[in-house]
Amino acid sequence: MWELIEINKRKSMTLLFLLGTLLFAVILLIVEGVLQYTVKVSEDLYDELMLFGLLLSVIIFVPIVAFQLFKVFRSGYKDILMMAGANKVVPSKNSKVLCNVVEEMVIASGFKGKPDIYIIEDSVPNAFAVGINEKKCAIAVTSSLLKILNREELQAVIAHEMAHLYNRDSLFLTIASFFVGTILTIASSISFNGGGRSSSRGGNLVSLLILIVIMLIVTLVAPLIAKMLFFMTSRKREYLADACAVQFTRNPGALASALTKISSQEFKPFAKDFTRKSEAQMPLYINNPSLAADKESLFATHPPIKKRIAILSRLANGSIIDYQKVYTEECGEKLFSKQMLKESVKMGNPLPPTPADFAGGSVVMGLQGASGAAEAAGSVLSGTETDTGVSAQKQSVFNSKEKIAQKRMANNIMWESVKYSISECDCGTTLKIPPCYTGKPIKCPHCGKTHTVEKAA
C-alpha cells in the first residue's frame, strides 16, 4: 500500500510544483509589469528595480501559499463539505446499509482510518471523497444516489471514493484546486487603467505595450495552462479510482451499472444548477453531469463516462491487470507504470465472491443485505422457483418494493442528518420529530395511536 501511495505522491508533488511555479510566475509578471510602468528609474538602476520586483513577488507569494496550506491541513476538508451543503449522517437503522457498505470498503481497501459519512440533499446522483489523512477524511453522497442504486452498485461507488482516499487523491486535489483557484481569481480581477509616468527605457507607450502583453498572458494563457494541468491529472485519477474500485469489490459490472444510472438522461435537467452550486467541488465528484457523455475535452474535469463504462463492461473479473489491458486498448496508453501495477496488484483486501456471483448475478442485493442475498441465491440455486413466469413476476414486485424502501431510507437519513428523530408507528406511518420537540405525546395522523417519545436530541 505505502509503495503505491509514494508513487502517487511523487507524481502529485511534481504537478503541485508546476502549478506553484505557474502561480509565482503570474505574481512576478504582474509585479514586474506594474513596477516598470509606474516607477521611473535611470538606466543603471533598472536591474535593481527588477530585483526588487522579484523580492516583492516572493514576499507576496510565500504568505499566500503558507496561509492557504495551513487552512487546508487544519480544516480544509470540512470547508469543502460545508460548501457542498453536506450533513453528517447519524448512525441509525435507516443509515445502516450505507454505514455497513462504507465499513466493508474500508476493510476491502486496507484503509487505516474510518471516514465520516455525509449526505447532500440533491436531485442529481453523485458522490465524492475528501480528506487530509486517515483521521481527517469523509465520503459524501447525494440523497438521489441512495434512491436509485442497489446495494452492490452503492458498494461499487463507495469503493471508487475509497480509492481516492487510499491514493491520497483528495489531498492533492484540494491543494491543486487552491493553486488553480488563486490563478483564476488573479486573472479575473485584473483591470488595467492607463496613465503613469514614463519609463526611461523607451517611454510610456513601450511600457504600456509591455504591461498589456503581461496582462494578456496572465488573464488568458496562465489560466488555460493551469486548467489543462489540473484537469488532465484529475481525469487520469478517475480511471485509476475505477481500477482500484474493481480491485476492491471484484465486481466491475456493479460499477458500470452505477455509472450508467448516475449518467442517466433523466437527471440532465438538474445538471446545470448542480454544476453551478458545486463548481468548486466538481473535480472531486465521481461524475460531472454537465459534460458530454462521449466526448473528450482538454478542459473537462472528468473523462467521458461512456468510455469508463465501456472499459468496465469489458472486464471479465476484478483484476487490475485486466483493467490495464482494456484501458490500453480503449485509450491507446497505459494507466499504470510497471512499478505502480506491481504494487496495485498487492493492495487492499478484496472481498470474497458474494452469493449473487454464484447465482449468475441474478440476485439484486438492495436493502436485503448480504444475508438476504444469500437466502435468495440459495433458493435460486436449489431450484425452489420452478415457474419462470412466476419467478420473474415475484422479482419485479420485489424490485418495486425495494425502490420504495430505498427512497424512504434516503429520506429518513436526510431527516436524521438535520437532527430529526424518526419513529415508526404500528400502522406503518413514519413520524419525524423535530429538534425543538417538547416531549409531549404525539398522535399518529393515520391511526390515531398516541406515542410517548423522548425529546429529540
Protein backbone atom coordinates (compact mmCIF):
# COMPACT_ATOMS: atom_id res chain seq x y z
CA MET A 1 0.00 0.00 0.00
CA TRP A 2 2.62 2.53 1.06
CA GLU A 3 4.68 1.97 -2.11
CA LEU A 4 1.64 2.81 -4.26
CA ILE A 5 0.95 5.92 -2.18
CA GLU A 6 4.57 7.05 -2.52
CA ILE A 7 4.45 6.63 -6.33
CA ASN A 8 1.23 8.60 -6.49
CA LYS A 9 2.63 11.20 -4.08
CA ARG A 10 5.70 11.81 -6.26
CA LYS A 11 3.53 12.43 -9.31
CA SER A 12 1.28 14.73 -7.28
CA MET A 13 4.22 16.72 -5.93
CA THR A 14 5.57 17.20 -9.46
CA LEU A 15 2.26 18.66 -10.63
CA LEU A 16 1.88 20.80 -7.50
CA PHE A 17 5.38 22.17 -8.13
CA LEU A 18 4.39 23.07 -11.70
CA LEU A 19 1.18 24.76 -10.54
CA GLY A 20 3.05 26.59 -7.77
CA THR A 21 5.69 27.75 -10.26
CA LEU A 22 2.94 28.97 -12.59
CA LEU A 23 1.29 30.90 -9.74
CA PHE A 24 4.62 32.51 -8.80
CA ALA A 25 5.24 33.39 -12.44
CA VAL A 26 1.84 35.10 -12.62
CA ILE A 27 2.58 37.17 -9.49
CA LEU A 28 6.08 38.01 -10.77
CA LEU A 29 4.80 39.13 -14.16
CA ILE A 30 2.21 41.41 -12.57
CA VAL A 31 4.66 42.94 -10.09
CA GLU A 32 7.40 43.50 -12.67
CA GLY A 33 4.94 44.90 -15.20
CA VAL A 34 3.39 47.33 -12.74
CA LEU A 35 6.81 48.46 -11.47
CA GLN A 36 8.12 49.04 -14.99
CA TYR A 37 5.05 51.04 -15.95
CA THR A 38 4.71 53.14 -12.80
CA VAL A 39 8.26 53.63 -11.48
CA LYS A 40 10.68 55.90 -13.31
CA VAL A 41 14.32 54.93 -12.84
CA SER A 42 17.57 55.60 -14.61
CA GLU A 43 19.13 53.00 -16.91
CA ASP A 44 21.77 51.93 -14.40
CA LEU A 45 19.14 51.27 -11.69
CA TYR A 46 16.87 49.17 -13.88
CA ASP A 47 18.41 45.83 -12.77
CA GLU A 48 17.91 46.82 -9.12
CA LEU A 49 14.26 47.58 -9.88
CA MET A 50 13.79 44.14 -11.41
CA LEU A 51 15.49 42.51 -8.42
CA PHE A 52 13.20 44.47 -6.11
CA GLY A 53 10.22 43.15 -8.11
CA LEU A 54 11.46 39.59 -7.67
CA LEU A 55 11.84 40.01 -3.89
CA LEU A 56 8.42 41.67 -3.67
CA SER A 57 6.87 38.75 -5.58
CA VAL A 58 8.41 36.26 -3.14
CA ILE A 59 7.09 38.32 -0.20
CA ILE A 60 3.58 38.18 -1.71
CA PHE A 61 3.74 34.52 -2.81
CA VAL A 62 5.06 32.85 0.35
CA PRO A 63 2.46 34.15 2.87
CA ILE A 64 -0.42 33.42 0.48
CA VAL A 65 0.66 29.81 -0.04
CA ALA A 66 1.54 29.27 3.64
CA PHE A 67 -1.83 30.62 4.83
CA GLN A 68 -3.84 28.56 2.36
CA LEU A 69 -1.92 25.35 3.13
CA PHE A 70 -2.49 25.98 6.83
CA LYS A 71 -6.22 26.27 6.15
CA VAL A 72 -6.21 23.09 4.03
CA PHE A 73 -4.46 20.96 6.63
CA ARG A 74 -6.39 22.41 9.56
CA SER A 75 -9.97 22.18 8.34
CA GLY A 76 -9.91 22.29 4.55
CA TYR A 77 -11.92 19.12 4.03
CA LYS A 78 -14.68 20.36 6.38
CA ASP A 79 -14.87 23.64 4.47
CA ILE A 80 -15.43 21.69 1.25
CA LEU A 81 -18.21 19.64 2.87
CA MET A 82 -19.82 22.81 4.19
CA MET A 83 -19.70 24.46 0.75
CA ALA A 84 -21.31 21.34 -0.73
CA GLY A 85 -24.18 21.59 1.79
CA ALA A 86 -23.39 18.19 3.31
CA ASN A 87 -24.84 17.00 6.61
CA LYS A 88 -23.19 14.32 8.74
CA VAL A 89 -25.07 11.01 8.77
CA VAL A 90 -26.46 10.00 12.15
CA PRO A 91 -26.00 6.24 12.79
CA SER A 92 -29.44 4.61 12.82
CA LYS A 93 -31.34 1.73 11.26
CA ASN A 94 -32.10 3.96 8.26
CA SER A 95 -28.42 4.62 7.58
CA LYS A 96 -27.31 1.09 8.48
CA VAL A 97 -26.86 -0.06 4.88
CA LEU A 98 -24.79 2.99 3.93
CA CYS A 99 -22.64 2.74 7.07
CA ASN A 100 -22.15 -1.01 6.54
CA VAL A 101 -21.09 -0.53 2.93
CA VAL A 102 -18.53 2.10 3.93
CA GLU A 103 -17.14 -0.21 6.62
CA GLU A 104 -16.93 -3.06 4.09
CA MET A 105 -14.94 -0.92 1.69
CA VAL A 106 -12.63 0.28 4.46
CA ILE A 107 -11.79 -3.37 5.13
CA ALA A 108 -11.57 -4.26 1.42
CA SER A 109 -9.22 -1.38 0.63
CA GLY A 110 -6.99 -1.87 3.65
CA PHE A 111 -7.51 1.79 4.56
CA LYS A 112 -6.28 2.53 8.08
CA GLY A 113 -8.86 5.14 9.03
CA LYS A 114 -12.65 5.34 9.16
CA PRO A 115 -14.08 8.16 7.03
CA ASP A 116 -17.02 10.19 8.27
CA ILE A 117 -20.18 9.81 6.19
CA TYR A 118 -22.15 12.80 4.88
CA ILE A 119 -25.29 13.20 2.81
CA ILE A 120 -26.20 16.04 0.43
CA GLU A 121 -29.83 16.78 -0.38
CA ASP A 122 -29.88 16.99 -4.17
CA SER A 123 -31.76 15.59 -7.17
CA VAL A 124 -28.54 14.65 -9.02
CA PRO A 125 -26.98 11.30 -8.02
CA ASN A 126 -23.32 11.84 -7.17
CA ALA A 127 -20.63 11.23 -4.56
CA PHE A 128 -17.19 12.46 -3.60
CA ALA A 129 -14.43 11.82 -1.07
CA VAL A 130 -12.33 14.44 0.66
CA GLY A 131 -9.63 14.26 3.29
CA ILE A 132 -6.18 15.19 4.53
CA ASN A 133 -5.17 11.86 6.09
CA GLU A 134 -6.69 8.68 7.58
CA LYS A 135 -8.05 10.56 10.60
CA LYS A 136 -9.41 13.57 8.74
CA CYS A 137 -11.45 12.28 5.81
CA ALA A 138 -15.05 11.87 4.70
CA ILE A 139 -17.26 10.40 1.99
CA ALA A 140 -20.34 12.33 0.87
CA VAL A 141 -23.24 11.02 -1.23
CA THR A 142 -26.34 12.75 -2.52
CA SER A 143 -29.80 11.65 -1.42
CA SER A 144 -30.66 10.87 -5.04
CA LEU A 145 -27.78 8.40 -5.25
CA LEU A 146 -29.17 6.39 -2.34
CA LYS A 147 -32.58 6.28 -4.01
CA ILE A 148 -31.50 4.85 -7.36
CA LEU A 149 -28.68 2.40 -6.55
CA ASN A 150 -29.00 -1.11 -5.15
CA ARG A 151 -26.54 -2.37 -2.57
CA GLU A 152 -23.95 -3.76 -4.98
CA GLU A 153 -23.94 -0.54 -7.03
CA LEU A 154 -23.67 1.58 -3.89
CA GLN A 155 -20.78 -0.62 -2.77
CA ALA A 156 -19.01 0.00 -6.10
CA VAL A 157 -19.43 3.78 -5.84
CA ILE A 158 -18.15 3.83 -2.25
CA ALA A 159 -15.22 1.64 -3.37
CA HIS A 160 -14.42 4.28 -6.03
CA GLU A 161 -14.41 7.01 -3.38
CA MET A 162 -12.34 4.87 -1.00
CA ALA A 163 -9.80 4.53 -3.82
CA HIS A 164 -9.44 8.33 -3.90
CA LEU A 165 -8.76 8.35 -0.16
CA TYR A 166 -6.43 5.37 -0.45
CA ASN A 167 -4.40 7.01 -3.23
CA ARG A 168 -4.30 10.41 -1.46
CA ASP A 169 -6.13 11.98 -4.41
CA SER A 170 -8.36 14.06 -2.15
CA LEU A 171 -5.43 15.86 -0.52
CA PHE A 172 -3.78 16.51 -3.86
CA LEU A 173 -6.97 17.80 -5.50
CA THR A 174 -7.69 20.08 -2.53
CA ILE A 175 -4.24 21.70 -2.70
CA ALA A 176 -4.13 21.77 -6.50
CA SER A 177 -7.56 23.42 -6.65
CA PHE A 178 -6.16 26.19 -4.41
CA PHE A 179 -3.36 26.96 -6.88
CA VAL A 180 -5.74 26.89 -9.85
CA GLY A 181 -8.37 28.92 -8.00
CA THR A 182 -5.82 31.57 -7.00
CA ILE A 183 -4.57 31.90 -10.58
CA LEU A 184 -8.14 32.20 -11.88
CA THR A 185 -9.01 34.77 -9.19
CA ILE A 186 -5.99 36.92 -10.07
CA ALA A 187 -6.77 36.64 -13.78
CA SER A 188 -10.42 37.57 -13.37
CA SER A 189 -9.76 40.55 -11.05
CA ILE A 190 -7.09 42.27 -13.15
CA SER A 191 -8.12 45.53 -14.75
CA PHE A 192 -5.81 47.94 -16.47
CA ASN A 193 -6.01 51.73 -16.10
CA GLY A 194 -3.91 53.91 -18.38
CA GLY A 195 -1.61 56.68 -17.19
CA GLY A 196 1.52 56.66 -15.08
CA ARG A 197 4.90 58.12 -15.51
CA SER A 198 7.10 57.40 -18.44
CA SER A 199 9.97 54.99 -18.22
CA SER A 200 13.50 55.80 -19.23
CA ARG A 201 13.57 52.53 -21.18
CA GLY A 202 11.53 53.80 -24.07
CA GLY A 203 8.71 55.96 -22.78
CA ASN A 204 5.18 55.41 -21.64
CA LEU A 205 3.99 53.71 -24.86
CA VAL A 206 6.57 50.92 -24.73
CA SER A 207 5.90 50.31 -21.04
CA LEU A 208 2.19 50.28 -21.76
CA LEU A 209 2.59 47.70 -24.51
CA ILE A 210 4.76 45.51 -22.26
CA LEU A 211 2.16 45.70 -19.49
CA ILE A 212 -0.66 44.85 -21.90
CA VAL A 213 1.24 41.76 -23.11
CA ILE A 214 1.83 40.72 -19.49
CA MET A 215 -1.84 41.15 -18.64
CA LEU A 216 -2.87 39.10 -21.67
CA ILE A 217 -0.54 36.30 -20.56
CA VAL A 218 -1.90 36.44 -17.01
CA THR A 219 -5.57 36.64 -17.96
CA LEU A 220 -5.59 34.21 -20.90
CA VAL A 221 -2.56 31.92 -21.12
CA ALA A 222 -1.88 31.19 -17.43
CA PRO A 223 -5.48 30.12 -16.57
CA LEU A 224 -5.57 27.84 -19.63
CA ILE A 225 -2.29 26.14 -18.68
CA ALA A 226 -3.39 25.77 -15.03
CA LYS A 227 -6.72 24.22 -16.00
CA MET A 228 -5.12 21.87 -18.52
CA LEU A 229 -2.59 20.59 -15.97
CA PHE A 230 -5.20 20.19 -13.24
CA PHE A 231 -7.95 18.60 -15.31
CA MET A 232 -5.55 16.28 -17.15
CA THR A 233 -4.43 14.79 -13.83
CA SER A 234 -7.98 14.77 -12.48
CA ARG A 235 -9.19 12.70 -15.46
CA LYS A 236 -6.41 10.14 -15.04
CA ARG A 237 -7.27 9.75 -11.34
CA GLU A 238 -10.87 8.85 -12.20
CA TYR A 239 -9.66 5.91 -14.29
CA LEU A 240 -7.27 4.93 -11.50
CA ALA A 241 -10.08 5.06 -8.92
CA ASP A 242 -12.29 2.91 -11.18
CA ALA A 243 -9.48 0.35 -11.45
CA CYS A 244 -8.94 0.29 -7.68
CA ALA A 245 -12.70 0.00 -7.05
CA VAL A 246 -12.77 -3.05 -9.29
CA GLN A 247 -9.87 -4.49 -7.32
CA PHE A 248 -11.66 -3.87 -4.01
CA THR A 249 -15.07 -5.31 -4.99
CA ARG A 250 -14.20 -7.84 -7.71
CA ASN A 251 -17.41 -6.65 -9.36
CA PRO A 252 -16.80 -4.38 -12.41
CA GLY A 253 -20.39 -4.86 -13.56
CA ALA A 254 -21.75 -3.15 -10.44
CA LEU A 255 -19.67 -0.02 -11.03
CA ALA A 256 -20.61 0.03 -14.73
CA SER A 257 -24.28 -0.24 -13.77
CA ALA A 258 -23.93 2.51 -11.16
CA LEU A 259 -22.25 4.89 -13.63
CA THR A 260 -24.96 4.16 -16.19
CA LYS A 261 -27.67 5.13 -13.69
CA ILE A 262 -25.74 8.18 -12.47
CA SER A 263 -25.34 9.48 -16.05
CA SER A 264 -28.98 8.83 -17.00
CA GLN A 265 -30.68 11.50 -19.12
CA GLU A 266 -33.48 11.91 -16.56
CA PHE A 267 -31.07 13.91 -14.36
CA LYS A 268 -29.87 16.25 -17.14
CA PRO A 269 -32.47 18.98 -16.34
CA PHE A 270 -30.86 19.36 -12.90
CA ALA A 271 -27.24 19.17 -14.14
CA LYS A 272 -26.68 22.88 -14.86
CA ASP A 273 -27.89 24.01 -11.45
CA PHE A 274 -25.91 21.25 -9.71
CA THR A 275 -22.70 22.20 -11.56
CA ARG A 276 -23.19 25.87 -10.72
CA LYS A 277 -23.65 25.17 -7.00
CA SER A 278 -20.80 22.64 -6.85
CA GLU A 279 -18.26 24.21 -9.21
CA ALA A 280 -15.51 24.28 -6.56
CA GLN A 281 -16.02 20.59 -5.67
CA MET A 282 -16.72 19.30 -9.19
CA PRO A 283 -13.28 17.66 -9.77
CA LEU A 284 -13.88 15.64 -6.59
CA TYR A 285 -17.22 14.13 -7.69
CA ILE A 286 -17.49 10.73 -9.34
CA ASN A 287 -19.21 12.35 -12.34
CA ASN A 288 -19.66 15.80 -13.83
CA PRO A 289 -23.29 15.77 -15.07
CA SER A 290 -22.83 18.80 -17.31
CA LEU A 291 -20.20 17.11 -19.52
CA ALA A 292 -20.97 15.23 -22.72
CA ALA A 293 -21.05 11.50 -22.03
CA ASP A 294 -18.93 10.54 -25.05
CA LYS A 295 -16.64 13.49 -25.88
CA GLU A 296 -13.05 14.13 -24.82
CA SER A 297 -12.02 17.65 -23.80
CA LEU A 298 -8.78 19.19 -22.58
CA PHE A 299 -10.74 21.26 -20.08
CA ALA A 300 -13.08 18.54 -18.82
CA THR A 301 -12.90 17.66 -15.13
CA HIS A 302 -13.74 14.01 -15.90
CA PRO A 303 -13.13 11.56 -18.74
CA PRO A 304 -16.15 10.61 -20.90
CA ILE A 305 -18.36 8.45 -18.71
CA LYS A 306 -19.30 6.22 -21.67
CA LYS A 307 -15.64 5.31 -22.07
CA ARG A 308 -15.39 4.46 -18.36
CA ILE A 309 -18.49 2.28 -18.64
CA ALA A 310 -17.16 0.62 -21.82
CA ILE A 311 -13.91 -0.34 -20.07
CA LEU A 312 -15.73 -1.74 -17.03
CA SER A 313 -18.23 -3.64 -19.21
CA ARG A 314 -15.42 -5.48 -21.00
CA LEU A 315 -13.83 -6.79 -17.79
CA ALA A 316 -14.36 -10.45 -17.03
CA ASN A 317 -13.30 -10.07 -13.39
CA GLY A 318 -11.88 -7.61 -10.91
CA SER A 319 -8.23 -7.85 -11.92
CA ILE A 320 -6.09 -4.73 -12.08
CA ILE A 321 -4.11 -6.38 -14.88
CA ASP A 322 -7.30 -6.90 -16.93
CA TYR A 323 -8.26 -3.25 -16.38
CA GLN A 324 -4.83 -2.14 -17.58
CA LYS A 325 -5.20 -4.24 -20.74
CA VAL A 326 -8.70 -2.97 -21.60
CA TYR A 327 -7.78 0.64 -20.74
CA THR A 328 -4.77 0.46 -23.08
CA GLU A 329 -6.99 -0.82 -25.93
CA GLU A 330 -9.64 1.87 -25.33
CA CYS A 331 -7.37 4.87 -24.66
CA GLY A 332 -4.18 3.96 -26.51
CA GLU A 333 -1.93 4.44 -23.46
CA LYS A 334 -1.09 2.68 -20.21
CA LEU A 335 -2.72 3.75 -16.95
CA PHE A 336 -0.16 2.12 -14.63
CA SER A 337 3.60 2.07 -14.86
CA LYS A 338 5.21 -1.34 -14.28
CA GLN A 339 6.12 -0.43 -10.69
CA MET A 340 2.67 1.00 -9.98
CA LEU A 341 0.97 -2.05 -11.49
CA LYS A 342 3.10 -4.34 -9.34
CA GLU A 343 2.07 -2.53 -6.16
CA SER A 344 -1.58 -2.18 -7.23
CA VAL A 345 -1.95 -5.94 -7.63
CA LYS A 346 -0.90 -6.42 -4.00
CA MET A 347 -3.02 -3.66 -2.47
CA GLY A 348 -6.16 -3.99 -0.37
CA ASN A 349 -8.06 -6.97 0.89
CA PRO A 350 -10.64 -7.72 -1.84
CA LEU A 351 -13.99 -9.06 -0.69
CA PRO A 352 -14.76 -12.74 -1.39
CA PRO A 353 -17.40 -13.57 -4.03
CA THR A 354 -20.97 -12.99 -2.86
CA PRO A 355 -23.82 -15.50 -3.29
CA ALA A 356 -25.08 -13.24 -6.06
CA ASP A 357 -21.90 -14.00 -8.03
CA PHE A 358 -22.63 -17.74 -7.88
CA ALA A 359 -26.21 -17.12 -8.97
CA GLY A 360 -25.01 -15.54 -12.20
CA GLY A 361 -25.65 -12.02 -10.91
CA SER A 362 -29.43 -12.57 -10.99
CA VAL A 363 -29.92 -11.62 -7.35
CA VAL A 364 -30.40 -7.96 -6.54
CA MET A 365 -28.88 -7.32 -3.11
CA GLY A 366 -30.51 -3.95 -2.49
CA LEU A 367 -31.60 -3.35 1.08
CA GLN A 368 -31.91 -7.00 1.94
CA GLY A 369 -28.20 -7.13 2.82
CA ALA A 370 -25.72 -9.94 2.37
CA SER A 371 -27.70 -12.46 4.42
CA GLY A 372 -30.86 -11.79 2.43
CA ALA A 373 -28.90 -12.21 -0.79
CA ALA A 374 -27.54 -15.49 0.46
CA GLU A 375 -31.03 -16.83 1.12
CA ALA A 376 -32.28 -15.60 -2.25
CA ALA A 377 -29.30 -17.07 -4.05
CA GLY A 378 -29.78 -20.35 -2.21
CA SER A 379 -33.38 -20.63 -3.35
CA VAL A 380 -32.39 -19.93 -6.97
CA LEU A 381 -29.59 -22.47 -6.94
CA SER A 382 -31.69 -25.20 -5.29
CA GLY A 383 -34.43 -24.82 -7.86
CA THR A 384 -37.15 -23.69 -5.43
CA GLU A 385 -38.70 -21.48 -8.11
CA THR A 386 -39.67 -23.74 -11.00
CA ASP A 387 -42.10 -21.44 -12.78
CA THR A 388 -40.05 -18.87 -14.71
CA GLY A 389 -43.01 -16.53 -15.21
CA VAL A 390 -43.97 -16.56 -11.52
CA SER A 391 -40.32 -16.09 -10.53
CA ALA A 392 -39.94 -13.08 -12.84
CA GLN A 393 -43.19 -11.59 -11.52
CA LYS A 394 -42.07 -12.00 -7.90
CA GLN A 395 -38.67 -10.47 -8.73
CA SER A 396 -40.41 -7.49 -10.36
CA VAL A 397 -42.59 -6.96 -7.27
CA PHE A 398 -39.52 -7.26 -5.05
CA ASN A 399 -37.61 -4.69 -7.14
CA SER A 400 -40.54 -2.26 -6.95
CA LYS A 401 -40.80 -2.62 -3.17
CA GLU A 402 -37.04 -2.30 -2.88
CA LYS A 403 -37.01 1.01 -4.75
CA ILE A 404 -39.72 2.39 -2.45
CA ALA A 405 -37.78 1.20 0.59
CA GLN A 406 -34.59 2.81 -0.77
CA LYS A 407 -36.33 6.16 -1.22
CA ARG A 408 -37.77 6.01 2.29
CA MET A 409 -34.38 5.11 3.71
CA ALA A 410 -32.69 8.02 1.89
CA ASN A 411 -35.36 10.45 3.11
CA ASN A 412 -35.05 9.23 6.69
CA ILE A 413 -31.25 9.61 6.59
CA MET A 414 -31.71 13.20 5.41
CA TRP A 415 -34.12 13.99 8.26
CA GLU A 416 -31.77 12.44 10.81
CA SER A 417 -28.81 14.37 9.44
CA VAL A 418 -30.60 17.62 10.42
CA LYS A 419 -31.25 16.29 13.97
CA TYR A 420 -34.82 15.00 13.46
CA SER A 421 -35.79 11.80 15.32
CA ILE A 422 -37.55 9.03 13.37
CA SER A 423 -40.24 6.87 14.97
CA GLU A 424 -42.26 4.09 13.33
CA CYS A 425 -45.96 3.60 14.17
CA ASP A 426 -47.58 0.13 14.13
CA CYS A 427 -49.70 1.22 11.17
CA GLY A 428 -46.56 1.82 9.11
CA THR A 429 -46.50 5.61 9.39
CA THR A 430 -43.10 7.23 9.90
CA LEU A 431 -43.17 10.04 12.44
CA LYS A 432 -40.48 12.71 12.04
CA ILE A 433 -39.84 14.58 15.29
CA PRO A 434 -38.10 17.99 15.04
CA PRO A 435 -35.22 19.03 17.32
CA CYS A 436 -37.45 21.59 19.07
CA TYR A 437 -39.90 18.88 20.21
CA THR A 438 -41.03 19.47 23.82
CA GLY A 439 -41.61 15.86 24.82
CA LYS A 440 -45.45 15.85 24.79
CA PRO A 441 -47.32 12.75 23.49
CA ILE A 442 -47.66 12.53 19.71
CA LYS A 443 -50.79 11.22 17.99
CA CYS A 444 -50.38 9.31 14.72
CA PRO A 445 -52.27 11.24 12.00
CA HIS A 446 -53.40 7.96 10.33
CA CYS A 447 -54.43 5.51 13.04
CA GLY A 448 -54.74 7.91 15.99
CA LYS A 449 -52.41 5.92 18.26
CA THR A 450 -50.67 8.06 20.88
CA HIS A 451 -46.87 7.80 21.07
CA THR A 452 -44.78 8.81 24.05
CA VAL A 453 -41.46 9.82 22.60
CA GLU A 454 -38.42 11.21 24.33
CA LYS A 455 -37.38 14.72 23.47
CA ALA A 456 -35.32 14.82 20.28
CA ALA A 457 -31.59 15.24 20.78
